[in-house]
Protein backbone atom coordinates (compact mmCIF):
# COMPACT_ATOMS: atom_id res chain seq x y z
CA MET A 1 -70.13 -10.88 62.00
CA ASP A 2 -69.17 -14.67 61.77
CA ARG A 3 -66.43 -15.84 59.84
CA ILE A 4 -67.41 -18.93 57.33
CA SER A 5 -64.27 -21.02 56.10
CA LEU A 6 -65.23 -23.19 53.26
CA SER A 7 -63.08 -25.50 51.17
CA ASN A 8 -61.10 -24.26 48.07
CA SER A 9 -58.17 -26.24 46.01
CA ALA A 10 -56.77 -23.28 45.38
CA PHE A 11 -53.13 -21.94 46.63
CA GLU A 12 -54.91 -19.52 47.83
CA GLY A 13 -56.47 -21.61 50.50
CA ASP A 14 -59.86 -22.00 51.99
CA ASN A 15 -62.39 -19.17 50.88
CA ASN A 16 -64.37 -17.41 53.71
CA ALA A 17 -67.65 -16.27 53.66
CA TYR A 18 -68.87 -13.52 56.32
CA LEU A 19 -72.19 -13.24 57.69
CA PHE A 20 -74.46 -10.79 59.28
CA ALA A 21 -77.47 -12.54 61.51
CA ASP A 22 -77.76 -10.36 63.96
CA GLY A 23 -80.08 -7.78 63.13
CA ARG A 24 -82.64 -7.38 60.63
CA GLU A 25 -81.70 -8.47 57.41
CA THR A 26 -79.45 -11.56 56.65
CA VAL A 27 -76.06 -9.80 55.03
CA LEU A 28 -73.42 -11.69 53.46
CA ILE A 29 -70.32 -10.90 51.94
CA ASP A 30 -68.39 -13.92 49.50
CA THR A 31 -70.64 -17.05 49.01
CA GLY A 32 -67.48 -19.65 48.08
CA ASP A 33 -67.03 -21.27 44.85
CA TRP A 34 -69.95 -22.85 42.49
CA MET A 35 -69.06 -26.97 43.08
CA GLU A 36 -71.33 -29.31 44.54
CA THR A 37 -69.19 -30.01 48.49
CA THR A 38 -69.09 -25.78 48.94
CA ARG A 39 -72.85 -25.51 49.26
CA GLU A 40 -73.03 -28.02 51.18
CA GLN A 41 -70.13 -26.76 53.40
CA LEU A 42 -72.33 -23.42 53.56
CA GLU A 43 -75.58 -24.79 53.74
CA ALA A 44 -74.27 -26.58 56.83
CA ALA A 45 -73.35 -23.34 58.50
CA PHE A 46 -76.36 -21.49 57.92
CA ASP A 47 -78.47 -24.07 59.33
CA GLU A 48 -76.43 -24.46 62.76
CA ARG A 49 -77.71 -21.09 63.30
CA GLY A 50 -81.06 -21.59 62.54
CA LEU A 51 -81.32 -20.43 59.22
CA ALA A 52 -81.57 -21.03 55.02
CA PHE A 53 -80.18 -19.83 51.96
CA ALA A 54 -84.25 -18.44 51.78
CA ASP A 55 -83.09 -15.98 54.85
CA VAL A 56 -80.44 -14.11 53.16
CA ASP A 57 -80.97 -10.39 52.11
CA ARG A 58 -78.56 -8.71 50.47
CA ILE A 59 -74.84 -10.07 49.19
CA PHE A 60 -71.82 -8.71 48.65
CA LEU A 61 -69.14 -9.16 46.45
CA THR A 62 -65.41 -8.72 47.05
CA HIS A 63 -64.87 -9.05 43.02
CA TRP A 64 -65.75 -11.08 39.93
CA HIS A 65 -63.53 -14.34 40.51
CA GLY A 66 -65.70 -17.63 40.89
CA ASP A 67 -64.49 -18.80 44.36
CA HIS A 68 -65.94 -16.09 46.20
CA THR A 69 -69.03 -15.46 43.26
CA GLY A 70 -70.11 -19.49 42.46
CA LEU A 71 -73.22 -19.68 44.57
CA ALA A 72 -74.03 -15.90 44.11
CA GLY A 73 -77.32 -17.38 42.01
CA PRO A 74 -78.53 -20.46 43.73
CA ILE A 75 -78.60 -18.03 47.31
CA GLN A 76 -80.69 -15.15 44.80
CA ALA A 77 -82.75 -17.62 42.99
CA GLU A 78 -84.03 -19.02 46.55
CA SER A 79 -84.22 -16.24 48.51
CA GLY A 80 -84.45 -12.22 46.22
CA ALA A 81 -82.10 -11.30 47.55
CA GLU A 82 -79.85 -8.43 45.60
CA VAL A 83 -76.63 -8.66 44.81
CA TYR A 84 -73.85 -5.72 45.15
CA ALA A 85 -70.24 -5.77 43.03
CA HIS A 86 -68.59 -3.50 41.63
CA GLU A 87 -69.50 -1.42 38.49
CA ALA A 88 -66.14 -2.90 37.00
CA ASP A 89 -67.22 -6.52 37.34
CA ALA A 90 -70.90 -6.56 37.12
CA ALA A 91 -71.12 -7.91 33.50
CA LEU A 92 -68.66 -10.90 34.23
CA ILE A 93 -70.60 -12.16 37.68
CA GLU A 94 -74.20 -11.64 35.74
CA GLY A 95 -72.58 -13.72 32.90
CA ASP A 96 -72.35 -11.49 30.00
CA GLU A 97 -71.23 -13.79 26.46
CA ASP A 98 -70.29 -10.11 25.40
CA ALA A 99 -67.75 -9.12 28.51
CA TRP A 100 -66.54 -13.38 29.00
CA GLU A 101 -65.82 -13.06 24.84
CA GLU A 102 -63.88 -9.64 25.21
CA MET A 103 -62.49 -11.27 28.60
CA HIS A 104 -61.68 -14.41 26.81
CA GLU A 105 -60.03 -12.74 23.55
CA LEU A 106 -57.83 -10.03 26.06
CA GLN A 107 -56.64 -13.47 27.39
CA GLU A 108 -55.47 -14.95 23.81
CA GLN A 109 -53.60 -11.10 23.02
CA TYR A 110 -51.89 -11.22 26.46
CA PHE A 111 -50.51 -15.30 25.84
CA ASP A 112 -49.11 -14.03 21.84
CA ASP A 113 -47.53 -10.81 23.85
CA TRP A 114 -46.52 -12.80 26.68
CA ARG A 115 -44.39 -15.08 24.28
CA MET A 116 -46.34 -18.08 26.54
CA PRO A 117 -45.29 -21.28 24.45
CA GLU A 118 -48.53 -22.84 22.60
CA GLU A 119 -48.62 -26.11 24.91
CA LYS A 120 -48.49 -24.15 28.17
CA GLN A 121 -50.88 -21.93 26.69
CA ALA A 122 -53.37 -25.52 25.78
CA VAL A 123 -53.28 -26.33 29.19
CA LEU A 124 -54.12 -23.18 30.77
CA ARG A 125 -57.18 -23.39 28.42
CA GLU A 126 -58.08 -26.67 29.47
CA ARG A 127 -57.50 -25.22 33.21
CA MET A 128 -59.85 -22.05 32.77
CA ALA A 129 -62.56 -24.27 30.61
CA SER A 130 -62.30 -26.95 33.73
CA ALA A 131 -62.65 -24.40 36.25
CA GLY A 132 -65.57 -22.75 35.51
CA GLY A 133 -69.30 -23.68 37.03
CA THR A 134 -72.94 -24.65 36.00
CA ASN A 135 -74.49 -22.24 38.59
CA GLU A 136 -77.08 -20.02 37.19
CA SER A 137 -75.89 -16.21 37.60
CA PRO A 138 -77.02 -12.97 39.19
CA THR A 139 -78.65 -10.18 37.94
CA VAL A 140 -76.10 -7.82 40.04
CA THR A 141 -76.67 -3.95 41.54
CA THR A 142 -73.43 -2.40 41.68
CA PHE A 143 -72.08 0.25 43.43
CA GLU A 144 -68.91 2.93 43.56
CA ASP A 145 -65.88 3.19 45.97
CA GLY A 146 -67.17 5.05 49.02
CA ASP A 147 -70.86 4.11 48.29
CA ARG A 148 -71.86 3.24 52.20
CA PHE A 149 -74.92 0.71 52.89
CA SER A 150 -76.98 1.21 56.13
CA LEU A 151 -78.24 -2.25 57.61
CA ASP A 152 -81.13 -2.83 59.08
CA GLY A 153 -80.73 -4.26 62.90
CA TYR A 154 -77.15 -3.40 63.26
CA ASP A 155 -75.27 0.10 64.33
CA HIS A 156 -73.15 0.05 61.90
CA ASP A 157 -72.88 0.29 57.97
CA LEU A 158 -70.32 -1.38 55.88
CA GLU A 159 -68.76 1.45 53.07
CA ALA A 160 -67.74 -0.31 49.66
CA VAL A 161 -63.66 0.19 49.02
CA HIS A 162 -62.41 0.07 45.82
CA THR A 163 -58.88 -1.59 45.96
CA SER A 164 -58.27 -2.62 41.64
CA GLY A 165 -55.33 -4.04 40.80
CA HIS A 166 -56.03 -8.49 41.47
CA ALA A 167 -59.65 -7.80 39.72
CA ALA A 168 -60.64 -3.98 38.17
CA GLY A 169 -63.63 -4.46 40.55
CA LEU A 170 -62.23 -5.91 43.55
CA SER A 171 -62.98 -3.99 46.06
CA MET A 172 -62.81 -4.42 50.38
CA PHE A 173 -66.44 -3.47 53.03
CA GLU A 174 -65.25 -1.56 55.23
CA THR A 175 -66.78 -1.22 58.46
CA THR A 176 -67.25 -0.87 63.11
CA LEU A 177 -67.28 -3.45 64.40
CA GLU A 178 -66.82 -3.14 69.02
CA GLY A 179 -65.34 -0.25 68.02
CA ARG A 180 -62.95 -1.11 65.99
CA ARG A 181 -62.17 0.36 62.98
CA GLU A 182 -62.54 -3.51 60.89
CA VAL A 183 -62.77 -4.47 57.13
CA VAL A 184 -63.50 -7.13 54.76
CA SER A 185 -60.83 -7.21 52.40
CA GLY A 186 -60.94 -9.90 50.01
CA ASP A 187 -58.40 -10.71 48.38
CA ALA A 188 -56.53 -6.83 48.37
CA LEU A 189 -54.84 -8.19 51.47
CA LEU A 190 -54.49 -11.77 52.08
CA PRO A 191 -52.08 -13.34 55.14
CA VAL A 192 -50.39 -15.83 53.13
CA TYR A 193 -49.82 -15.16 49.76
CA THR A 194 -49.64 -12.09 47.73
CA PRO A 195 -52.16 -11.40 45.41
CA ASN A 196 -51.75 -12.18 41.22
CA VAL A 197 -51.65 -8.86 40.21
CA GLY A 198 -51.07 -8.71 35.96
CA GLY A 199 -52.69 -12.50 35.09
CA ALA A 200 -55.56 -12.44 37.28
CA ASP A 201 -57.63 -9.89 35.41
CA VAL A 202 -55.88 -9.15 32.48
CA ARG A 203 -58.24 -5.58 32.07
CA VAL A 204 -57.21 -3.86 34.79
CA ASP A 205 -54.82 -1.00 33.18
CA ARG A 206 -51.25 -0.24 35.12
CA PRO A 207 -52.32 -3.36 37.46
CA LEU A 208 -49.32 -3.01 39.77
CA GLU A 209 -49.10 0.95 39.80
CA LYS A 210 -53.31 0.31 40.55
CA TYR A 211 -52.17 -2.37 43.72
CA LEU A 212 -49.31 -0.81 45.38
CA ARG A 213 -51.78 2.17 45.37
CA ALA A 214 -54.30 -0.18 47.19
CA LEU A 215 -52.20 -0.94 49.03
CA GLN A 216 -50.91 2.19 50.43
CA LYS A 217 -54.62 3.03 50.87
CA ILE A 218 -54.37 0.39 53.88
CA VAL A 219 -51.57 1.40 55.56
CA ASP A 220 -53.09 4.84 55.28
CA ALA A 221 -56.42 3.72 57.12
CA GLU A 222 -54.83 1.44 59.94
CA TYR A 223 -57.68 -0.33 60.02
CA ASP A 224 -57.68 -2.98 63.31
CA ARG A 225 -58.31 -5.85 62.43
CA ALA A 226 -58.88 -7.67 58.36
CA TRP A 227 -60.85 -10.15 57.29
CA PRO A 228 -59.65 -11.80 54.16
CA GLY A 229 -61.07 -13.47 51.41
CA HIS A 230 -59.30 -16.87 52.52
CA ARG A 231 -57.43 -18.22 55.58
CA ASP A 232 -57.27 -16.40 59.26
CA PRO A 233 -57.86 -12.77 59.98
CA ILE A 234 -54.96 -10.50 59.57
CA ASP A 235 -54.80 -8.05 63.27
CA ASP A 236 -52.51 -5.68 61.95
CA PRO A 237 -53.14 -4.71 58.48
CA ALA A 238 -50.88 -2.35 57.37
CA GLY A 239 -47.86 -4.30 58.37
CA ARG A 240 -48.99 -7.11 55.96
CA ALA A 241 -50.42 -4.13 53.58
CA GLN A 242 -46.87 -2.70 53.85
CA TYR A 243 -44.65 -5.80 53.98
CA ILE A 244 -46.53 -6.84 50.53
CA ILE A 245 -45.53 -2.99 49.27
CA ASP A 246 -41.67 -4.00 50.06
CA HIS A 247 -41.87 -7.79 48.17
CA HIS A 248 -42.75 -5.89 45.17
CA GLU A 249 -40.58 -3.54 45.25
CA GLU A 250 -37.96 -6.67 45.48
CA ARG A 251 -39.64 -8.51 43.01
CA SER A 252 -39.06 -5.59 40.89
CA PHE A 253 -35.61 -5.82 41.89
CA ARG A 254 -35.38 -9.40 40.41
CA VAL A 255 -37.00 -8.50 37.35
CA LEU A 256 -33.82 -5.74 36.57
CA ASP A 257 -31.49 -8.58 37.63
CA ALA A 258 -33.03 -10.80 35.66
CA LEU A 259 -32.69 -8.91 32.03
CA ASP A 260 -29.11 -7.69 33.61
CA ARG A 261 -27.92 -11.23 34.00
CA LYS A 262 -30.26 -12.35 30.05
CA GLY A 263 -29.50 -9.41 28.35
CA PRO A 264 -32.92 -8.35 25.87
CA CYS A 265 -35.72 -11.06 26.79
CA ASP A 266 -39.80 -11.43 26.47
CA THR A 267 -42.37 -11.93 29.57
CA TRP A 268 -42.04 -15.64 29.10
CA THR A 269 -38.46 -15.40 29.84
CA VAL A 270 -38.55 -13.55 32.71
CA SER A 271 -41.53 -15.44 34.08
CA ALA A 272 -39.16 -18.78 33.52
CA ASP A 273 -36.45 -17.17 36.07
CA LEU A 274 -38.60 -15.69 38.24
CA PHE A 275 -41.31 -18.90 39.20
CA GLY A 276 -39.73 -21.55 37.20
CA GLU A 277 -41.33 -24.50 36.05
CA LEU A 278 -45.47 -23.60 35.49
CA GLU A 279 -48.21 -25.36 35.45
CA SER A 280 -52.25 -25.60 35.76
CA ILE A 281 -53.37 -21.97 36.71
CA HIS A 282 -49.55 -20.65 37.33
CA ILE A 283 -49.17 -20.63 33.33
CA LEU A 284 -51.42 -17.17 33.94
CA HIS A 285 -49.89 -16.02 36.50
CA GLY A 286 -46.57 -16.27 36.29
CA PRO A 287 -46.34 -14.38 33.06
CA GLY A 288 -49.40 -12.00 34.21
CA GLU A 289 -46.87 -11.10 37.48
CA SER A 290 -44.09 -10.47 34.86
CA TYR A 291 -45.46 -8.09 32.83
CA ALA A 292 -47.29 -6.22 35.44
CA HIS A 293 -43.65 -5.66 36.45
CA LEU A 294 -41.96 -5.27 33.64
CA GLU A 295 -44.80 -2.59 32.24
CA HIS A 296 -44.15 -0.31 35.43
CA LEU A 297 -40.68 -0.70 34.93
CA GLU A 298 -41.23 0.68 31.24
CA ARG A 299 -43.53 3.63 33.08
CA ALA A 300 -40.92 4.14 35.55
CA GLY A 301 -37.83 4.86 32.73
CA THR A 302 -35.77 1.42 34.18
CA VAL A 303 -36.62 -1.07 31.31
CA VAL A 304 -37.25 -0.12 27.58
CA ARG A 305 -39.99 -2.41 25.84
CA GLU A 306 -38.67 -2.91 21.98
CA GLY A 307 -41.60 -5.29 20.24
CA ALA A 308 -42.36 -8.70 22.69
CA GLU A 309 -39.05 -8.26 24.34
CA TYR A 310 -37.98 -5.96 27.26
CA ARG A 311 -33.95 -4.34 28.52
CA LEU A 312 -32.26 -2.51 30.74
CA ALA A 313 -32.24 0.89 30.13
CA ASP A 314 -29.11 2.89 29.36
CA GLY A 315 -26.60 3.31 32.74
CA VAL A 316 -29.55 1.11 34.79
CA SER A 317 -26.89 -1.96 34.49
CA GLU A 318 -23.83 0.65 36.32
CA VAL A 319 -26.65 2.08 38.72
CA LEU A 320 -27.47 -2.03 39.89
CA ALA A 321 -23.68 -2.66 40.31
CA ALA A 322 -23.00 0.09 42.29
CA LYS A 323 -25.90 -0.46 44.45
CA ASP A 324 -25.03 -3.68 44.54
CA ASP A 325 -25.21 -4.38 47.96
CA GLU A 326 -26.94 -1.30 49.27
CA ARG A 327 -30.72 -0.57 48.87
CA TRP A 328 -31.63 1.38 46.37
CA THR A 329 -35.47 2.78 46.27
CA LEU A 330 -36.97 2.17 42.93
CA GLU A 331 -39.28 5.70 42.18
CA TYR A 332 -42.86 4.51 41.53
């Protein structure tokens, strides 16, 4: 398996595409985004290996975000490759107008629920409109968690591992390389940043709960290595996953602390306390992440929602004060 690094202006760092080209079929996991620069880079990487887009037999996509799916349509058009994605993301990847309209309507609803200022909404809408590519969309074959795919001419399979949270259909692909259990983790596990939950895909119900579950799945799997959607390989996937679990626990404390200091407040106010002034796509990610934690804490009984505002449940402020110098483990 070859890792191909592709440029990306997003904060996560360069995207990765993963190429299997040593067997009787050519397989690609993720394609990079829709930009012409990315296409040129991927074409050059193929050319170095004596390949062209027309040689691709199958494409597996980790999730619907454009920086992972942007070239799937053009490659399929040249090669006739079968494109696979989790059933929860297939309609968006195929460019289904009804699915995208439903997404946009839900986003608008959350912008109001979060009390996002109108001027920030305008900036965000412009940013999201400019992020869309003009490439043709692929036709998608769907898979579910646990589906296994044999690769012709290889001594290992790919198994889909559904890891919802960052995106509804986000999936990893587990395999065995040279006797090691490894996983192409997409955005479920990144080496530097923690994937956004709550804003990156507003369709996900209970986004933090689902993402924590996905991280625990990675911890329990004890993979030898993870190949992420951005940046370099992760040599201790379980350790990195546990670090992100701990990070979210710490962020939950910060949310509780904000409510303790400020009193009842809306999602946008909590977001401002956590992340400060937000620009570009972070206008979506900041309140989305804050909402994911507030919703999670509400179901845990630690936070109470009243309209658009949240407050600490009775007695929580006293517990926070008593535990000020100690670690308090939240019951998830």
